[in-house]
Amino acid sequence: MNNEGENVGVGSTSIDPKDLKVNLDPETLRKVMKDYKKLRRYMKSPLYQIKKMDGKEKVISKLMEELEGI
């Protein structure tokens, strides 16, 4: 099956994103952003790289396994 030229994927719809109205709790959003930044900083650290090479890294690996299960 050839899908060249078609915009097919997860979340692709014909709805214009500018027309969507989403209510987000600012406090929850702030917490999610803080956790995300902390994880990104950890992934850039030498400690993460060493643990990843040793096979002892658990934090990011656990999150990736959960993501695959969704």
PDB file of N, CA and C in Angstrom:
ATOM      1  N   MET A   1       0.847  -1.160   0.000  1.00  0.00           N
ATOM      2  CA  MET A   1       0.000   0.000   0.000  1.00  0.00           C
ATOM      3  C   MET A   1       0.900   1.233   0.000  1.00  0.00           C
ATOM      4  N   ASN A   2       0.668   2.141  -0.893  1.00  0.00           N
ATOM      5  CA  ASN A   2       1.494   3.333  -1.039  1.00  0.00           C
ATOM      6  C   ASN A   2       0.719   4.538  -0.530  1.00  0.00           C
ATOM      7  N   ASN A   3       1.263   5.206   0.482  1.00  0.00           N
ATOM      8  CA  ASN A   3       0.596   6.356   1.080  1.00  0.00           C
ATOM      9  C   ASN A   3       1.324   7.654   0.762  1.00  0.00           C
ATOM     10  N   GLU A   4       2.091   7.699  -0.294  1.00  0.00           N
ATOM     11  CA  GLU A   4       2.816   8.920  -0.622  1.00  0.00           C
ATOM     12  C   GLU A   4       1.830  10.026  -0.980  1.00  0.00           C
ATOM     13  N   GLY A   5       2.093  11.200  -0.453  1.00  0.00           N
ATOM     14  CA  GLY A   5       1.246  12.330  -0.749  1.00  0.00           C
ATOM     15  C   GLY A   5       0.033  12.451   0.153  1.00  0.00           C
ATOM     16  N   GLU A   6      -0.241  11.430   0.956  1.00  0.00           N
ATOM     17  CA  GLU A   6      -1.368  11.474   1.873  1.00  0.00           C
ATOM     18  C   GLU A   6      -0.877  11.882   3.247  1.00  0.00           C
ATOM     19  N   ASN A   7      -1.660  12.682   3.940  1.00  0.00           N
ATOM     20  CA  ASN A   7      -1.332  13.094   5.287  1.00  0.00           C
ATOM     21  C   ASN A   7      -2.060  12.175   6.262  1.00  0.00           C
ATOM     22  N   VAL A   8      -1.478  11.008   6.513  1.00  0.00           N
ATOM     23  CA  VAL A   8      -2.094  10.016   7.372  1.00  0.00           C
ATOM     24  C   VAL A   8      -1.198   9.828   8.587  1.00  0.00           C
ATOM     25  N   GLY A   9      -1.799   9.847   9.761  1.00  0.00           N
ATOM     26  CA  GLY A   9      -1.008   9.637  10.964  1.00  0.00           C
ATOM     27  C   GLY A   9      -1.864   9.800  12.198  1.00  0.00           C
ATOM     28  N   VAL A  10      -1.227   9.662  13.319  1.00  0.00           N
ATOM     29  CA  VAL A  10      -1.927   9.789  14.584  1.00  0.00           C
ATOM     30  C   VAL A  10      -2.312  11.237  14.778  1.00  0.00           C
ATOM     31  N   GLY A  11      -3.556  11.470  15.050  1.00  0.00           N
ATOM     32  CA  GLY A  11      -4.026  12.813  15.336  1.00  0.00           C
ATOM     33  C   GLY A  11      -4.306  13.669  14.115  1.00  0.00           C
ATOM     34  N   SER A  12      -4.216  13.113  12.922  1.00  0.00           N
ATOM     35  CA  SER A  12      -4.500  13.933  11.743  1.00  0.00           C
ATOM     36  C   SER A  12      -6.006  14.023  11.550  1.00  0.00           C
ATOM     37  N   THR A  13      -6.507  15.251  11.530  1.00  0.00           N
ATOM     38  CA  THR A  13      -7.939  15.488  11.349  1.00  0.00           C
ATOM     39  C   THR A  13      -8.118  16.656  10.393  1.00  0.00           C
ATOM     40  N   SER A  14      -9.341  16.890  10.038  1.00  0.00           N
ATOM     41  CA  SER A  14      -9.631  18.020   9.158  1.00  0.00           C
ATOM     42  C   SER A  14     -10.008  19.267   9.954  1.00  0.00           C
ATOM     43  N   ILE A  15      -9.900  19.216  11.274  1.00  0.00           N
ATOM     44  CA  ILE A  15     -10.241  20.352  12.134  1.00  0.00           C
ATOM     45  C   ILE A  15      -9.043  21.288  12.231  1.00  0.00           C
ATOM     46  N   ASP A  16      -9.292  22.566  12.051  1.00  0.00           N
ATOM     47  CA  ASP A  16      -8.228  23.561  12.170  1.00  0.00           C
ATOM     48  C   ASP A  16      -7.862  23.727  13.641  1.00  0.00           C
ATOM     49  N   PRO A  17      -6.583  23.569  14.010  1.00  0.00           N
ATOM     50  CA  PRO A  17      -6.184  23.687  15.418  1.00  0.00           C
ATOM     51  C   PRO A  17      -6.512  25.046  16.034  1.00  0.00           C
ATOM     52  N   LYS A  18      -6.618  26.079  15.234  1.00  0.00           N
ATOM     53  CA  LYS A  18      -6.936  27.406  15.759  1.00  0.00           C
ATOM     54  C   LYS A  18      -8.377  27.494  16.242  1.00  0.00           C
ATOM     55  N   ASP A  19      -9.246  26.591  15.745  1.00  0.00           N
ATOM     56  CA  ASP A  19     -10.654  26.597  16.130  1.00  0.00           C
ATOM     57  C   ASP A  19     -10.917  25.838  17.428  1.00  0.00           C
ATOM     58  N   LEU A  20      -9.925  25.107  17.934  1.00  0.00           N
ATOM     59  CA  LEU A  20     -10.109  24.309  19.139  1.00  0.00           C
ATOM     60  C   LEU A  20     -10.011  25.176  20.384  1.00  0.00           C
ATOM     61  N   LYS A  21     -10.818  24.868  21.351  1.00  0.00           N
ATOM     62  CA  LYS A  21     -10.774  25.557  22.639  1.00  0.00           C
ATOM     63  C   LYS A  21     -10.481  24.508  23.703  1.00  0.00           C
ATOM     64  N   VAL A  22      -9.380  24.690  24.418  1.00  0.00           N
ATOM     65  CA  VAL A  22      -8.945  23.735  25.425  1.00  0.00           C
ATOM     66  C   VAL A  22      -8.786  24.462  26.755  1.00  0.00           C
ATOM     67  N   ASN A  23      -9.352  23.904  27.792  1.00  0.00           N
ATOM     68  CA  ASN A  23      -9.206  24.463  29.130  1.00  0.00           C
ATOM     69  C   ASN A  23      -8.159  23.662  29.885  1.00  0.00           C
ATOM     70  N   LEU A  24      -7.071  24.323  30.260  1.00  0.00           N
ATOM     71  CA  LEU A  24      -6.006  23.676  31.013  1.00  0.00           C
ATOM     72  C   LEU A  24      -5.829  24.380  32.342  1.00  0.00           C
ATOM     73  N   ASP A  25      -5.620  23.589  33.373  1.00  0.00           N
ATOM     74  CA  ASP A  25      -5.323  24.139  34.681  1.00  0.00           C
ATOM     75  C   ASP A  25      -3.873  24.629  34.675  1.00  0.00           C
ATOM     76  N   PRO A  26      -3.639  25.915  34.899  1.00  0.00           N
ATOM     77  CA  PRO A  26      -2.268  26.454  34.842  1.00  0.00           C
ATOM     78  C   PRO A  26      -1.316  25.773  35.824  1.00  0.00           C
ATOM     79  N   GLU A  27      -1.804  25.402  36.996  1.00  0.00           N
ATOM     80  CA  GLU A  27      -0.943  24.760  37.994  1.00  0.00           C
ATOM     81  C   GLU A  27      -0.510  23.372  37.523  1.00  0.00           C
ATOM     82  N   THR A  28      -1.441  22.617  36.945  1.00  0.00           N
ATOM     83  CA  THR A  28      -1.112  21.289  36.426  1.00  0.00           C
ATOM     84  C   THR A  28      -0.150  21.392  35.252  1.00  0.00           C
ATOM     85  N   LEU A  29      -0.390  22.337  34.371  1.00  0.00           N
ATOM     86  CA  LEU A  29       0.491  22.544  33.231  1.00  0.00           C
ATOM     87  C   LEU A  29       1.900  22.913  33.695  1.00  0.00           C
ATOM     88  N   ARG A  30       1.997  23.756  34.718  1.00  0.00           N
ATOM     89  CA  ARG A  30       3.290  24.161  35.255  1.00  0.00           C
ATOM     90  C   ARG A  30       4.049  22.949  35.818  1.00  0.00           C
ATOM     91  N   LYS A  31       3.335  22.049  36.507  1.00  0.00           N
ATOM     92  CA  LYS A  31       3.960  20.851  37.068  1.00  0.00           C
ATOM     93  C   LYS A  31       4.453  19.919  35.961  1.00  0.00           C
ATOM     94  N   VAL A  32       3.642  19.744  34.927  1.00  0.00           N
ATOM     95  CA  VAL A  32       4.036  18.877  33.809  1.00  0.00           C
ATOM     96  C   VAL A  32       5.273  19.444  33.109  1.00  0.00           C
ATOM     97  N   MET A  33       5.289  20.751  32.896  1.00  0.00           N
ATOM     98  CA  MET A  33       6.448  21.379  32.248  1.00  0.00           C
ATOM     99  C   MET A  33       7.710  21.226  33.107  1.00  0.00           C
ATOM    100  N   LYS A  34       7.565  21.371  34.427  1.00  0.00           N
ATOM    101  CA  LYS A  34       8.701  21.233  35.325  1.00  0.00           C
ATOM    102  C   LYS A  34       9.251  19.811  35.281  1.00  0.00           C
ATOM    103  N   ASP A  35       8.366  18.809  35.322  1.00  0.00           N
ATOM    104  CA  ASP A  35       8.791  17.414  35.249  1.00  0.00           C
ATOM    105  C   ASP A  35       9.459  17.108  33.912  1.00  0.00           C
ATOM    106  N   TYR A  36       8.894  17.625  32.834  1.00  0.00           N
ATOM    107  CA  TYR A  36       9.467  17.412  31.500  1.00  0.00           C
ATOM    108  C   TYR A  36      10.879  17.991  31.418  1.00  0.00           C
ATOM    109  N   LYS A  37      11.055  19.213  31.909  1.00  0.00           N
ATOM    110  CA  LYS A  37      12.373  19.850  31.864  1.00  0.00           C
ATOM    111  C   LYS A  37      13.384  19.080  32.706  1.00  0.00           C
ATOM    112  N   LYS A  38      12.933  18.562  33.850  1.00  0.00           N
ATOM    113  CA  LYS A  38      13.825  17.785  34.710  1.00  0.00           C
ATOM    114  C   LYS A  38      14.287  16.505  34.007  1.00  0.00           C
ATOM    115  N   LEU A  39      13.355  15.830  33.330  1.00  0.00           N
ATOM    116  CA  LEU A  39      13.697  14.601  32.607  1.00  0.00           C
ATOM    117  C   LEU A  39      14.632  14.888  31.432  1.00  0.00           C
ATOM    118  N   ARG A  40      14.386  15.987  30.713  1.00  0.00           N
ATOM    119  CA  ARG A  40      15.260  16.345  29.585  1.00  0.00           C
ATOM    120  C   ARG A  40      16.678  16.653  30.081  1.00  0.00           C
ATOM    121  N   ARG A  41      16.777  17.359  31.212  1.00  0.00           N
ATOM    122  CA  ARG A  41      18.082  17.675  31.789  1.00  0.00           C
ATOM    123  C   ARG A  41      18.799  16.379  32.188  1.00  0.00           C
ATOM    124  N   TYR A  42      18.062  15.439  32.784  1.00  0.00           N
ATOM    125  CA  TYR A  42      18.626  14.144  33.168  1.00  0.00           C
ATOM    126  C   TYR A  42      19.121  13.378  31.948  1.00  0.00           C
ATOM    127  N   MET A  43      18.342  13.416  30.859  1.00  0.00           N
ATOM    128  CA  MET A  43      18.741  12.680  29.657  1.00  0.00           C
ATOM    129  C   MET A  43      19.996  13.259  29.014  1.00  0.00           C
ATOM    130  N   LYS A  44      20.280  14.537  29.245  1.00  0.00           N
ATOM    131  CA  LYS A  44      21.479  15.159  28.682  1.00  0.00           C
ATOM    132  C   LYS A  44      22.703  14.974  29.578  1.00  0.00           C
ATOM    133  N   SER A  45      22.518  14.432  30.766  1.00  0.00           N
ATOM    134  CA  SER A  45      23.613  14.315  31.726  1.00  0.00           C
ATOM    135  C   SER A  45      24.505  13.110  31.416  1.00  0.00           C
ATOM    136  N   PRO A  46      25.767  13.212  31.807  1.00  0.00           N
ATOM    137  CA  PRO A  46      26.684  12.076  31.639  1.00  0.00           C
ATOM    138  C   PRO A  46      26.251  10.866  32.469  1.00  0.00           C
ATOM    139  N   LEU A  47      25.631  11.102  33.609  1.00  0.00           N
ATOM    140  CA  LEU A  47      25.166  10.003  34.453  1.00  0.00           C
ATOM    141  C   LEU A  47      24.156   9.129  33.704  1.00  0.00           C
ATOM    142  N   TYR A  48      23.237   9.766  32.982  1.00  0.00           N
ATOM    143  CA  TYR A  48      22.251   9.023  32.195  1.00  0.00           C
ATOM    144  C   TYR A  48      22.953   8.185  31.129  1.00  0.00           C
ATOM    145  N   GLN A  49      23.922   8.776  30.449  1.00  0.00           N
ATOM    146  CA  GLN A  49      24.627   8.057  29.392  1.00  0.00           C
ATOM    147  C   GLN A  49      25.351   6.839  29.944  1.00  0.00           C
ATOM    148  N   ILE A  50      25.982   6.980  31.116  1.00  0.00           N
ATOM    149  CA  ILE A  50      26.696   5.862  31.728  1.00  0.00           C
ATOM    150  C   ILE A  50      25.721   4.765  32.136  1.00  0.00           C
ATOM    151  N   LYS A  51      24.627   5.145  32.785  1.00  0.00           N
ATOM    152  CA  LYS A  51      23.635   4.150  33.200  1.00  0.00           C
ATOM    153  C   LYS A  51      23.014   3.460  31.993  1.00  0.00           C
ATOM    154  N   LYS A  52      22.804   4.201  30.932  1.00  0.00           N
ATOM    155  CA  LYS A  52      22.228   3.632  29.709  1.00  0.00           C
ATOM    156  C   LYS A  52      23.170   2.589  29.106  1.00  0.00           C
ATOM    157  N   MET A  53      24.466   2.888  29.103  1.00  0.00           N
ATOM    158  CA  MET A  53      25.444   1.929  28.562  1.00  0.00           C
ATOM    159  C   MET A  53      25.552   0.691  29.450  1.00  0.00           C
ATOM    160  N   ASP A  54      25.450   0.868  30.766  1.00  0.00           N
ATOM    161  CA  ASP A  54      25.530  -0.257  31.700  1.00  0.00           C
ATOM    162  C   ASP A  54      24.266  -1.098  31.706  1.00  0.00           C
ATOM    163  N   GLY A  55      23.176  -0.516  31.218  1.00  0.00           N
ATOM    164  CA  GLY A  55      21.899  -1.217  31.237  1.00  0.00           C
ATOM    165  C   GLY A  55      21.190  -1.099  32.570  1.00  0.00           C
ATOM    166  N   LYS A  56      21.630  -0.171  33.423  1.00  0.00           N
ATOM    167  CA  LYS A  56      21.029  -0.004  34.746  1.00  0.00           C
ATOM    168  C   LYS A  56      20.096   1.192  34.820  1.00  0.00           C
ATOM    169  N   GLU A  57      19.856   1.866  33.722  1.00  0.00           N
ATOM    170  CA  GLU A  57      18.996   3.050  33.700  1.00  0.00           C
ATOM    171  C   GLU A  57      17.549   2.605  33.802  1.00  0.00           C
ATOM    172  N   LYS A  58      16.795   3.181  34.757  1.00  0.00           N
ATOM    173  CA  LYS A  58      15.424   2.749  35.005  1.00  0.00           C
ATOM    174  C   LYS A  58      14.378   3.819  34.723  1.00  0.00           C
ATOM    175  N   VAL A  59      14.676   5.086  34.957  1.00  0.00           N
ATOM    176  CA  VAL A  59      13.670   6.152  34.903  1.00  0.00           C
ATOM    177  C   VAL A  59      13.106   6.309  33.494  1.00  0.00           C
ATOM    178  N   ILE A  60      13.949   6.606  32.539  1.00  0.00           N
ATOM    179  CA  ILE A  60      13.503   6.831  31.164  1.00  0.00           C
ATOM    180  C   ILE A  60      13.042   5.523  30.527  1.00  0.00           C
ATOM    181  N   SER A  61      13.718   4.425  30.832  1.00  0.00           N
ATOM    182  CA  SER A  61      13.326   3.130  30.278  1.00  0.00           C
ATOM    183  C   SER A  61      11.898   2.769  30.685  1.00  0.00           C
ATOM    184  N   LYS A  62      11.560   3.040  31.946  1.00  0.00           N
ATOM    185  CA  LYS A  62      10.208   2.741  32.437  1.00  0.00           C
ATOM    186  C   LYS A  62       9.173   3.586  31.703  1.00  0.00           C
ATOM    187  N   LEU A  63       9.477   4.860  31.500  1.00  0.00           N
ATOM    188  CA  LEU A  63       8.551   5.731  30.783  1.00  0.00           C
ATOM    189  C   LEU A  63       8.366   5.284  29.336  1.00  0.00           C
ATOM    190  N   MET A  64       9.446   4.859  28.693  1.00  0.00           N
ATOM    191  CA  MET A  64       9.354   4.394  27.308  1.00  0.00           C
ATOM    192  C   MET A  64       8.531   3.109  27.204  1.00  0.00           C
ATOM    193  N   GLU A  65       8.673   2.220  28.183  1.00  0.00           N
ATOM    194  CA  GLU A  65       7.877   0.981  28.185  1.00  0.00           C
ATOM    195  C   GLU A  65       6.394   1.295  28.356  1.00  0.00           C
ATOM    196  N   GLU A  66       6.082   2.262  29.234  1.00  0.00           N
ATOM    197  CA  GLU A  66       4.692   2.663  29.417  1.00  0.00           C
ATOM    198  C   GLU A  66       4.121   3.259  28.135  1.00  0.00           C
ATOM    199  N   LEU A  67       4.939   4.034  27.433  1.00  0.00           N
ATOM    200  CA  LEU A  67       4.503   4.654  26.189  1.00  0.00           C
ATOM    201  C   LEU A  67       4.204   3.610  25.126  1.00  0.00           C
ATOM    202  N   GLU A  68       5.022   2.559  25.058  1.00  0.00           N
ATOM    203  CA  GLU A  68       4.790   1.486  24.081  1.00  0.00           C
ATOM    204  C   GLU A  68       3.516   0.727  24.394  1.00  0.00           C
ATOM    205  N   GLY A  69       3.131   0.682  25.665  1.00  0.00           N
ATOM    206  CA  GLY A  69       1.930  -0.054  26.077  1.00  0.00           C
ATOM    207  C   GLY A  69       0.643   0.697  25.776  1.00  0.00           C
ATOM    208  N   ILE A  70       0.741   1.975  25.447  1.00  0.00           N
ATOM    209  CA  ILE A  70      -0.457   2.784  25.201  1.00  0.00           C
ATOM    210  C   ILE A  70      -1.020   2.495  23.829  1.00  0.00           C
TER     211      ILE A  70
END
